Each structure stands twice: as structure tokens, then as C-alpha cells.
């Protein structure tokens, strides 16, 4: 067992490293036999187009597969290739990714598509980056995403390290520490660089992540189904519940917002406003006029919104909570009637939800829908 970061051993001294000739084939063979059928895997098998892998990896960042599946199909229906994505309006890109959160990644993805088309001079096929190093030159691509794409699409033997990888190797080595410590991340990268399958690095990387997602789960791991049970120190020591320990996460900052929903009762229309580039949250997205409540209790518009709205005449609809970009938000939704600000964009009731990028706005919309007499 390992209880202190100072006790992290030399990689070549690990029994796991000495057994790598058995360990790596066991893991890859399990994956190739048991892997789930996911749309990006099927598309890659049929077309070998890095675009399908790239889009999936961006969407999967800090997002559950169950949430990504419908968004991935919706996105590819609208933007089937990098050229259509590069030429798209940014609002349409956000709409295709609606509900996934962390929208900054999709702005970077859009920028990367434009950069790829410029560098390719609209040639076919696209001059894709082929290495881990080259992928990292694109906007929004960090170590994990670059390693995933380079290994799956271009067979480069560079390991991925995400939360699933951290948990799997904490249990394999019975490391009873927070799995996301910086020193551990470096250790796991170096260890997997030794273990990774040189012939099938993409399958190796997906195998470790799949094992963490489906077998070596946070709660109640299914050890009887694990192809690596024979090499797992946590299983041997019955310490799966304490290896690893709880992650070290930054404390969410609590903040209060007020969302104002402009509504015309006569026509049953709802208005949206485009948030400014200076907004703290969801910049340059269409949503409801948003104010941040300061420590003094005063609500001020989020960013340089010049909205001619009489907030004093608003009516409380209800309250919801929402987590976004390291913030825990308490949101007060309020109804505004017969507003005429030129900054507002009026839509019919059945058109509104399709134009909302964030679940924050959708939660406020649900309160209005419950309050209306239809």
C-alpha cells in the first residue's frame, strides 16, 4: 500500500512493470472483446476519419457518455466534416453542443476547425496533425485530448491520463491518496508510457478508460469481471473502498444570479438577449438577461449589457441552482412583461428552447412554463 506521496516507488521496481508482458495483452484483449459499441468508434472503423475522433474527445471532456451520445449525433447531422464546421456561425456551433456545458471548449474547437482549413488550403484530404505534439498546437487541445487523438487516429504510443486511468492505477498499486495529485499524474503518465501497447496504443488507452468506466468504478467496482484482478493490490488487500481517496477539488464559489424572462402575454412570445463578450458567464450566447448579485445585495448586469429593462416591475417565478465553471449558482428567475428593449430578440414559445445553449437558461424557462396557464 502507498499512503504518502513520498513513497511513490521507481517504476522499474514495480511488480506490475515486471509483469507488463502479461498485463498489457490481457488488458487490450479484454477491450477488443468487451468494448462498447459507441458511435465514434463505429464511424472510425468505417471511415478512418480523425474528425469523428476529435469531435468525440472534445465532447467527452468532463462530460458523461450518456450526455454526449445525443449531442454527438445532433452535431454530426449539422456539421458532418471539418469544412462545414469551419464555415459555421459560432451560435450554430453552440446550439449543436447545447446542454453539454463548458462551452469554451466548443469555441476553441470552432477556432481549430478554421485553423485546419487555412493550413490545408481547402484541400482534400485535410492535412491533419499526426502527432501528440502537433495536436497540442491547436486551440483547446491539452495533453489528454492530444494523446487520445494521436493514439487512436494515428497510432502514436502516447498514454492518456484521465480520472478513470488515475482510479484504475491507484487500485492496481493500492495507492490510498487523492488520485489527481500532480505528482501522481506524472507518475501515471510515465508508468503507462512503459506499459502501453506499441502495436495498438489507441486500444490500450481506450481499454484503461473503459475499464474505469464500466468495471473499476468509483463505487462498488465489479472485481469479478476485471481482467486485471490477478495483478490488483487493492483487490488483494480488500482496500478498493479507500484506494484511491477522495479527489482534491477546488471549492466551488457560491454566487447568486437573477435571470429576467421577458414575456408578451398577448402573443405568448419570449425574448432572448445576446450576452456580451465581457460577461462572466456564457459570454456571447443567446439567453435571458442576467444580473449578478454582489456582496452588497445589489444586482448588476453580467458584463456590459445595455438593456433598457425595468427590473423593479419583475415578478418572481422561482429559484433553481446550477453549477458552472467552478461556481455554485443560486438563480432567481423573474418574469418581465411587455418589455420593448431593442436589444431583445422575440421568439414564439415553441422556438425558445431550441435557441438556448445552456441548461442554466432552460431551468429558468421551465419555471415560466410551469407558471403559465397552458
Protein backbone atom coordinates (compact mmCIF):
# COMPACT_ATOMS: atom_id res chain seq x y z
CA UNK A 1 0.00 0.00 0.00
CA UNK A 2 1.05 3.62 -0.56
CA UNK A 3 -0.19 6.22 1.92
CA UNK A 4 2.28 9.04 1.29
CA UNK A 5 3.30 10.75 -1.92
CA UNK A 6 6.93 10.37 -0.82
CA UNK A 7 6.53 6.58 -1.01
CA UNK A 8 5.83 6.50 -4.77
CA UNK A 9 8.32 3.87 -5.99
CA UNK A 10 10.57 3.73 -9.00
CA UNK A 11 8.57 2.41 -11.94
CA UNK A 12 11.02 -0.32 -12.86
CA UNK A 13 10.84 -1.69 -9.30
CA UNK A 14 7.09 -2.32 -9.53
CA UNK A 15 5.87 -5.92 -9.90
CA UNK A 16 3.36 -4.53 -12.39
CA UNK A 17 6.19 -3.28 -14.59
CA UNK A 18 7.92 -6.64 -14.44
CA UNK A 19 4.67 -8.36 -15.46
CA UNK A 20 3.95 -5.99 -18.34
CA UNK A 21 4.38 -8.77 -20.94
CA UNK A 22 1.26 -10.38 -19.45
CA UNK A 23 -0.50 -7.24 -18.21
CA UNK A 24 -0.75 -5.29 -21.46
CA UNK A 25 -2.07 -8.13 -23.68
CA UNK A 26 -4.63 -9.08 -21.00
CA UNK A 27 -5.96 -5.53 -20.92
CA UNK A 28 -6.04 -5.00 -24.70
CA UNK A 29 -7.58 -8.42 -25.38
CA UNK A 30 -10.32 -7.71 -22.84
CA UNK A 31 -11.10 -4.40 -24.52
CA UNK A 32 -11.18 -5.84 -28.01
CA UNK A 33 -13.61 -8.49 -26.80
CA UNK A 34 -15.81 -6.44 -24.46
CA UNK A 35 -15.72 -2.85 -25.74
CA UNK A 36 -18.99 -0.99 -26.01
CA UNK A 37 -20.44 -0.06 -29.36
CA UNK A 38 -20.18 3.74 -29.44
CA UNK A 39 -20.91 5.91 -32.49
CA UNK A 40 -17.43 7.46 -32.76
CA UNK A 41 -15.85 4.00 -32.64
CA UNK A 42 -18.18 2.73 -35.35
CA UNK A 43 -17.56 5.79 -37.54
CA UNK A 44 -13.81 5.47 -37.11
CA UNK A 45 -13.94 1.80 -38.07
CA UNK A 46 -15.96 2.62 -41.21
CA UNK A 47 -14.29 5.83 -42.37
CA UNK A 48 -10.94 6.26 -40.52
CA UNK A 49 -11.68 10.00 -40.35
CA UNK A 50 -9.87 11.77 -37.47
CA UNK A 51 -12.72 14.31 -37.42
CA UNK A 52 -15.01 11.77 -35.74
CA UNK A 53 -12.45 11.04 -33.02
CA UNK A 54 -11.60 14.71 -32.46
CA UNK A 55 -15.24 15.80 -32.02
CA UNK A 56 -15.96 12.93 -29.62
CA UNK A 57 -12.91 13.68 -27.47
CA UNK A 58 -13.82 17.36 -27.15
CA UNK A 59 -17.39 16.48 -26.18
CA UNK A 60 -16.27 13.85 -23.67
CA UNK A 61 -14.15 16.31 -21.69
CA UNK A 62 -15.63 16.34 -18.17
CA UNK A 63 -18.92 15.04 -19.61
CA UNK A 64 -20.71 11.70 -19.22
CA UNK A 65 -21.03 9.46 -22.26
CA UNK A 66 -24.82 9.32 -21.77
CA UNK A 67 -24.99 13.10 -22.24
CA UNK A 68 -22.64 13.07 -25.23
CA UNK A 69 -24.44 10.39 -27.28
CA UNK A 70 -27.44 12.50 -28.43
CA UNK A 71 -25.32 15.64 -28.81
CA UNK A 72 -22.74 13.81 -30.92
CA UNK A 73 -25.36 12.64 -33.41
CA UNK A 74 -27.02 16.06 -33.50
CA UNK A 75 -23.66 17.72 -34.09
CA UNK A 76 -22.62 15.46 -36.97
CA UNK A 77 -26.02 15.85 -38.61
CA UNK A 78 -25.35 19.61 -38.80
CA UNK A 79 -21.55 19.56 -39.24
CA UNK A 80 -20.57 16.28 -40.96
CA UNK A 81 -16.98 17.35 -41.66
CA UNK A 82 -14.34 19.87 -40.68
CA UNK A 83 -15.11 22.13 -43.63
CA UNK A 84 -18.78 22.64 -42.66
CA UNK A 85 -17.70 23.24 -39.05
CA UNK A 86 -15.11 25.83 -40.08
CA UNK A 87 -17.67 27.76 -42.14
CA UNK A 88 -20.38 27.66 -39.45
CA UNK A 89 -21.73 30.54 -37.41
CA UNK A 90 -20.49 30.30 -33.83
CA UNK A 91 -24.02 30.43 -32.40
CA UNK A 92 -25.00 27.42 -34.51
CA UNK A 93 -21.98 25.52 -33.19
CA UNK A 94 -23.04 26.28 -29.62
CA UNK A 95 -26.60 25.19 -30.35
CA UNK A 96 -25.39 21.86 -31.72
CA UNK A 97 -23.50 21.35 -28.43
CA UNK A 98 -26.30 22.60 -26.19
CA UNK A 99 -26.66 21.04 -22.78
CA UNK A 100 -23.06 19.79 -22.52
CA UNK A 101 -21.63 22.70 -20.53
CA UNK A 102 -18.06 24.04 -20.57
CA UNK A 103 -18.84 25.94 -23.77
CA UNK A 104 -15.40 27.47 -24.03
CA UNK A 105 -14.14 24.14 -25.42
CA UNK A 106 -16.52 24.38 -28.36
CA UNK A 107 -15.40 27.91 -29.18
CA UNK A 108 -11.83 26.57 -29.29
CA UNK A 109 -12.99 23.62 -31.40
CA UNK A 110 -14.54 26.03 -33.89
CA UNK A 111 -11.33 28.07 -33.98
CA UNK A 112 -9.31 24.89 -34.52
CA UNK A 113 -11.51 23.90 -37.46
CA UNK A 114 -10.87 27.26 -39.10
CA UNK A 115 -7.15 26.90 -38.50
CA UNK A 116 -7.14 23.41 -40.02
CA UNK A 117 -8.91 24.61 -43.15
CA UNK A 118 -6.49 27.53 -43.58
CA UNK A 119 -3.46 25.25 -43.19
CA UNK A 120 -5.00 22.71 -45.58
CA UNK A 121 -5.89 25.37 -48.15
CA UNK A 122 -9.27 23.59 -48.52
CA UNK A 123 -7.50 20.53 -49.89
CA UNK A 124 -8.87 17.02 -49.59
CA UNK A 125 -7.97 15.11 -47.59
CA UNK A 126 -7.40 17.52 -44.68
CA UNK A 127 -3.80 17.92 -43.56
CA UNK A 128 -4.49 16.65 -40.05
CA UNK A 129 -1.89 16.97 -37.29
CA UNK A 130 -0.45 13.50 -36.85
CA UNK A 131 1.41 13.62 -33.55
CA UNK A 132 0.74 14.38 -29.89
CA UNK A 133 2.99 17.44 -30.17
CA UNK A 134 1.24 18.77 -33.29
CA UNK A 135 -2.27 18.27 -31.90
CA UNK A 136 -1.34 20.37 -28.88
CA UNK A 137 -0.74 23.32 -31.22
CA UNK A 138 -4.47 23.56 -31.94
CA UNK A 139 -6.76 25.71 -29.76
CA UNK A 140 -8.38 23.83 -26.87
CA UNK A 141 -6.17 20.72 -27.11
CA UNK A 142 -4.36 19.69 -23.92
CA UNK A 143 -2.30 16.64 -23.00
CA UNK A 144 -5.21 14.24 -22.56
CA UNK A 145 -7.05 15.15 -25.78
CA UNK A 146 -3.84 15.22 -27.84
CA UNK A 147 -2.82 11.79 -26.52
CA UNK A 148 -6.25 10.30 -27.16
CA UNK A 149 -6.47 11.52 -30.76
CA UNK A 150 -2.83 10.79 -31.63
CA UNK A 151 -3.05 7.25 -30.27
CA UNK A 152 -6.48 6.30 -31.65
CA UNK A 153 -6.31 8.00 -35.04
CA UNK A 154 -2.56 7.97 -35.75
CA UNK A 155 -1.24 5.02 -33.73
CA UNK A 156 1.23 7.09 -31.68
CA UNK A 157 2.20 5.32 -28.46
CA UNK A 158 1.49 8.13 -26.03
CA UNK A 159 -0.69 7.38 -22.95
CA UNK A 160 -3.77 9.21 -21.74
CA UNK A 161 -4.27 10.10 -18.09
CA UNK A 162 -7.80 10.98 -17.03
CA UNK A 163 -9.87 10.29 -13.93
CA UNK A 164 -10.55 6.71 -14.96
CA UNK A 165 -6.87 5.99 -15.56
CA UNK A 166 -5.97 7.53 -12.21
CA UNK A 167 -8.53 5.41 -10.35
CA UNK A 168 -7.58 2.15 -12.10
CA UNK A 169 -3.88 2.53 -11.32
CA UNK A 170 -4.48 3.70 -7.77
CA UNK A 171 -6.27 0.42 -7.20
CA UNK A 172 -3.77 -1.69 -9.12
CA UNK A 173 -0.99 -0.31 -6.89
CA UNK A 174 -3.15 0.22 -3.76
CA UNK A 175 -2.38 3.94 -3.68
CA UNK A 176 -4.50 5.46 -0.90
CA UNK A 177 -4.09 9.07 -1.95
CA UNK A 178 -6.15 11.60 -3.88
CA UNK A 179 -5.76 10.35 -7.47
CA UNK A 180 -5.41 13.78 -9.11
CA UNK A 181 -2.28 14.93 -7.26
CA UNK A 182 0.14 16.47 -9.81
CA UNK A 183 2.97 14.13 -8.86
CA UNK A 184 0.70 11.12 -9.32
CA UNK A 185 -0.42 12.33 -12.74
CA UNK A 186 3.23 12.48 -13.87
CA UNK A 187 3.85 9.05 -12.33
CA UNK A 188 0.84 7.50 -14.11
CA UNK A 189 1.90 9.02 -17.43
CA UNK A 190 5.42 7.62 -17.09
CA UNK A 191 4.15 4.20 -15.96
CA UNK A 192 1.71 3.92 -18.84
CA UNK A 193 4.42 5.00 -21.26
CA UNK A 194 6.18 1.79 -20.19
CA UNK A 195 3.05 -0.37 -20.34
CA UNK A 196 1.31 0.95 -23.46
CA UNK A 197 0.86 -1.47 -26.33
CA UNK A 198 3.12 -0.31 -29.15
CA UNK A 199 1.04 -2.03 -31.84
CA UNK A 200 -2.37 -0.86 -30.57
CA UNK A 201 -1.81 2.25 -28.42
CA UNK A 202 -5.31 3.55 -29.14
CA UNK A 203 -6.88 0.31 -27.95
CA UNK A 204 -4.67 0.32 -24.85
CA UNK A 205 -5.71 3.85 -23.92
CA UNK A 206 -9.38 3.14 -24.54
CA UNK A 207 -9.07 -0.11 -22.59
CA UNK A 208 -7.86 1.58 -19.40
CA UNK A 209 -10.59 4.24 -19.64
CA UNK A 210 -13.28 1.66 -20.45
CA UNK A 211 -12.17 -0.45 -17.50
CA UNK A 212 -12.58 2.55 -15.21
CA UNK A 213 -15.96 3.47 -16.69
CA UNK A 214 -17.54 0.03 -16.65
CA UNK A 215 -15.70 -2.23 -14.16
CA UNK A 216 -13.33 -0.34 -11.86
CA UNK A 217 -15.99 2.24 -10.97
CA UNK A 218 -15.87 4.74 -8.12
CA UNK A 219 -18.43 2.85 -6.08
CA UNK A 220 -18.84 -0.92 -5.96
CA UNK A 221 -16.23 -1.97 -8.55
CA UNK A 222 -17.06 -5.25 -10.28
CA UNK A 223 -13.81 -7.01 -9.47
CA UNK A 224 -15.09 -10.39 -10.61
CA UNK A 225 -15.30 -9.05 -14.17
CA UNK A 226 -11.88 -7.40 -14.15
CA UNK A 227 -9.24 -8.85 -16.50
CA UNK A 228 -6.52 -7.45 -14.22
CA UNK A 229 -7.77 -8.83 -10.91
CA UNK A 230 -4.70 -11.07 -10.66
CA UNK A 231 -2.42 -8.00 -10.64
CA UNK A 232 -4.51 -5.69 -8.40
CA UNK A 233 -3.06 -4.89 -5.00
CA UNK A 234 -6.26 -3.22 -3.78
CA UNK A 235 -8.20 -6.40 -4.56
CA UNK A 236 -5.58 -8.47 -2.73
CA UNK A 237 -5.72 -6.15 0.31
CA UNK A 238 -9.51 -5.63 0.12
CA UNK A 239 -8.91 -1.87 0.01
CA UNK A 240 -10.96 -0.91 -3.06
CA UNK A 241 -13.04 1.50 -0.95
CA UNK A 242 -10.02 3.52 0.19
CA UNK A 243 -7.77 3.30 -2.86
CA UNK A 244 -7.93 5.96 -4.07
CA UNK A 245 -9.01 8.60 -1.58
CA UNK A 246 -11.39 11.44 -2.45
CA UNK A 247 -10.09 13.81 -5.10
CA UNK A 248 -8.74 17.23 -4.17
CA UNK A 249 -11.18 19.60 -5.84
CA UNK A 250 -11.27 23.36 -5.72
CA UNK A 251 -14.15 24.60 -3.59
CA UNK A 252 -16.98 25.98 -5.69
CA UNK A 253 -17.58 29.68 -5.25
CA UNK A 254 -21.17 30.43 -4.31
CA UNK A 255 -22.89 33.21 -6.22
CA UNK A 256 -26.43 34.49 -6.74
CA UNK A 257 -27.86 35.42 -10.14
CA UNK A 258 -31.10 36.89 -11.35
CA UNK A 259 -32.46 35.83 -14.74
CA UNK A 260 -35.15 38.02 -16.25
CA UNK A 261 -37.53 36.41 -18.73
CA UNK A 262 -39.24 38.98 -20.98
CA UNK A 263 -42.72 37.76 -21.91
CA UNK A 264 -45.57 39.10 -24.06
CA UNK A 265 -48.83 37.63 -22.80
CA UNK A 266 -50.85 38.70 -25.87
CA UNK A 267 -48.65 36.83 -28.32
CA UNK A 268 -47.11 34.27 -25.91
CA UNK A 269 -43.66 35.34 -27.04
CA UNK A 270 -40.44 35.17 -25.05
CA UNK A 271 -37.35 37.30 -25.65
CA UNK A 272 -33.66 36.45 -25.52
CA UNK A 273 -30.63 38.68 -25.47
CA UNK A 274 -27.10 38.05 -26.68
CA UNK A 275 -24.77 38.11 -23.70
CA UNK A 276 -21.78 40.39 -24.20
CA UNK A 277 -18.19 39.26 -24.69
CA UNK A 278 -17.44 40.80 -21.29
CA UNK A 279 -19.95 38.54 -19.50
CA UNK A 280 -18.65 36.42 -16.65
CA UNK A 281 -20.87 33.51 -17.62
CA UNK A 282 -21.86 32.15 -21.05
CA UNK A 283 -20.36 35.04 -22.97
CA UNK A 284 -21.74 35.71 -26.45
CA UNK A 285 -24.57 33.17 -26.08
CA UNK A 286 -28.27 33.90 -26.53
CA UNK A 287 -30.18 33.60 -23.27
CA UNK A 288 -32.13 35.55 -20.69
CA UNK A 289 -30.88 38.93 -19.40
CA UNK A 290 -28.65 38.07 -16.46
CA UNK A 291 -27.63 40.06 -13.39
CA UNK A 292 -25.09 39.08 -10.72
CA UNK A 293 -25.92 39.84 -7.09
CA UNK A 294 -22.94 41.37 -5.34
CA UNK A 295 -21.90 41.09 -1.70
CA UNK A 296 -23.87 44.28 -1.03
CA UNK A 297 -27.06 42.64 -2.31
CA UNK A 298 -27.21 44.84 -5.39
CA UNK A 299 -27.84 43.12 -8.74
CA UNK A 300 -25.77 44.38 -11.69
CA UNK A 301 -25.89 43.19 -15.30
CA UNK A 302 -23.36 40.48 -16.14
CA UNK A 303 -20.96 42.26 -18.45
CA UNK A 304 -21.59 45.42 -20.38
CA UNK A 305 -25.21 44.69 -21.19
CA UNK A 306 -27.04 47.87 -22.16
CA UNK A 307 -30.55 46.65 -21.55
CA UNK A 308 -33.41 49.08 -21.04
CA UNK A 309 -35.39 46.93 -18.63
CA UNK A 310 -37.37 47.95 -15.57
CA UNK A 311 -36.29 45.22 -13.20
CA UNK A 312 -38.34 46.65 -10.31
CA UNK A 313 -41.56 45.63 -12.03
CA UNK A 314 -40.50 41.99 -12.40
CA UNK A 315 -42.38 39.10 -10.79
CA UNK A 316 -40.68 36.18 -9.04
CA UNK A 317 -41.14 32.85 -10.83
CA UNK A 318 -39.00 30.68 -8.59
CA UNK A 319 -35.45 29.62 -7.77
CA UNK A 320 -33.12 26.96 -9.16
CA UNK A 321 -29.50 26.00 -8.64
CA UNK A 322 -26.80 25.39 -11.24
CA UNK A 323 -23.08 24.59 -11.27
CA UNK A 324 -20.89 26.24 -13.90
CA UNK A 325 -17.14 26.98 -14.26
CA UNK A 326 -16.18 26.42 -10.61
CA UNK A 327 -19.25 28.27 -9.34
CA UNK A 328 -22.30 27.08 -7.46
CA UNK A 329 -25.08 29.37 -8.59
CA UNK A 330 -28.33 30.20 -6.85
CA UNK A 331 -30.61 31.54 -9.55
CA UNK A 332 -33.73 33.62 -9.11
CA UNK A 333 -35.91 33.63 -12.23
CA UNK A 334 -38.16 36.64 -12.69
CA UNK A 335 -40.89 37.46 -15.19
CA UNK A 336 -40.89 40.72 -17.17
CA UNK A 337 -43.99 41.76 -19.07
CA UNK A 338 -44.28 43.94 -22.18
CA UNK A 339 -40.63 44.91 -22.44
CA UNK A 340 -39.67 46.80 -25.60
CA UNK A 341 -35.87 46.98 -25.44
CA UNK A 342 -34.34 46.92 -28.93
CA UNK A 343 -31.65 44.53 -27.67
CA UNK A 344 -34.24 41.78 -27.21
CA UNK A 345 -34.97 39.10 -29.78
CA UNK A 346 -38.58 37.92 -29.59
CA UNK A 347 -39.45 34.28 -30.31
CA UNK A 348 -42.56 32.15 -30.24
CA UNK A 349 -42.83 29.88 -27.23
CA UNK A 350 -42.05 26.71 -29.18
CA UNK A 351 -38.90 28.28 -30.68
CA UNK A 352 -37.20 29.35 -27.47
CA UNK A 353 -35.73 26.13 -26.10
CA UNK A 354 -34.09 25.29 -29.43
CA UNK A 355 -32.16 28.57 -29.23
CA UNK A 356 -30.90 28.10 -25.65
CA UNK A 357 -27.36 26.79 -25.32
CA UNK A 358 -27.15 26.42 -21.55
CA UNK A 359 -29.14 24.36 -19.07
CA UNK A 360 -29.00 27.43 -16.83
CA UNK A 361 -31.46 29.20 -19.14
CA UNK A 362 -33.51 26.04 -19.63
CA UNK A 363 -34.05 25.71 -15.89
CA UNK A 364 -35.40 29.26 -15.77
CA UNK A 365 -37.62 28.56 -18.79
CA UNK A 366 -39.13 25.52 -17.01
CA UNK A 367 -40.22 27.80 -14.15
CA UNK A 368 -42.01 30.08 -16.59
CA UNK A 369 -43.69 27.16 -18.35
CA UNK A 370 -45.00 25.86 -15.00
CA UNK A 371 -46.35 29.30 -14.12
CA UNK A 372 -48.21 29.85 -17.39
CA UNK A 373 -51.85 28.71 -17.65
CA UNK A 374 -51.25 26.30 -20.55
